[in-house]
């Protein structure tokens, strides 16, 4: 004999079904009750009841049929993605970039400020504050409408959101970015390594959307890696997964020096522009520049091969500033991998430009919002999740 459901069981079931309907609407055009019933596998009457409740709570927008339609037109329903927002921020060596998105992941505003690799932590933090406040002010979104802020930083991130092990940014190992931003914004805040966020972005909206096993290479004057295995971002026990460049034998630390020390580069070219000059000269057939590029890629391939042999990814994504010169790198990198790897993954160049880290931060923020909603339910939209309540839920 089947057990009778209690009131608590029924309420939980209704909440779960409501979440199912919301998931079926997110990222899709407006749909009728019948379409949503078919998409979710729930009965049409149940979906109808849930949609009315979701509309009353503000989660769903009702789109009335046009008067020009012949017959009995059906209402359509759309997820109200503007009920909350997430903010993704890339705190980089050369810029601080903020992307503001709705709960469907649609970017609605972008703000950036230039910084330099030599700027002290205080200057970078002021730029961070200004970028966030400008992004909200220019978009007309209040702080209370932001449900999650994710910060991307350079260096391995520990459980406290700090880069205490290492950061190439001056003074950043002593900075607590979570506490700094949390002093002004009350929503949940998380911090993640920039390479890891870029890997997330490639799988979400980039060149690796078809892959679950990805090695992302940040190729620039600094070299790093982000790893996604079985569809999951790998952070490691202390947040240092992918930091293979710390091992000098893999040559990532010294690889950019081949570009910096190209003998044909004019002395008038600044250090920041040296790599760009070498890549352009290589395209024009300059022999010294071509040698410098080949030597750089060979060194890049050493650490890449180690990751490929250890993880056997489906895709290696070439990202970072040097991905703009993928035409000079990808084929040589693939050939180097073929000489040492048992199986060579597909090597692809990123198409996300310098927004990859901030886009990955958005995706991580949306994932956190989804986890919050799954645990708390759709209990109304009068207030976003508080940091204290979010932390209590994460600990439970």
Foldseek 3Di string as FASTA:
>chain_A
DDDDDDPVRVVVVLLVVLLLLLVLQQPDPWDFLVVSCVSRVHDSVSSVVSQVVCVVQPQKDKADDDPPDPDDDTITIHGPQQLAKEKFWELDQFKIKIFIDTLSLHTDFIFMDTDHLADAPVVSLVRNVVRVVCRCVVRVHDLQRYAEYEYEFAAFQFPQRARLPDDSRHPRNPDRVQVSVCVPHFHYYHYAYLQQLLVLLCCVPKDNVVFQWEWEWADDLAIWIWTGHNNRTDQDPGRCPGVPVVPCVLPRNPLCVLQQVQPVDDPPQDSVCSNVVLLVVVVVPDPSSLVSLLSSLLSVLSSVLVCCQVRVTQEYEYDHPCLVSVVSRQVSSQVSSVVPHPDGHHYYYIPPHPCSSRSSSRVVRSVLQSVVCVVPGCPHSPGHDGNVNSVVVVVD
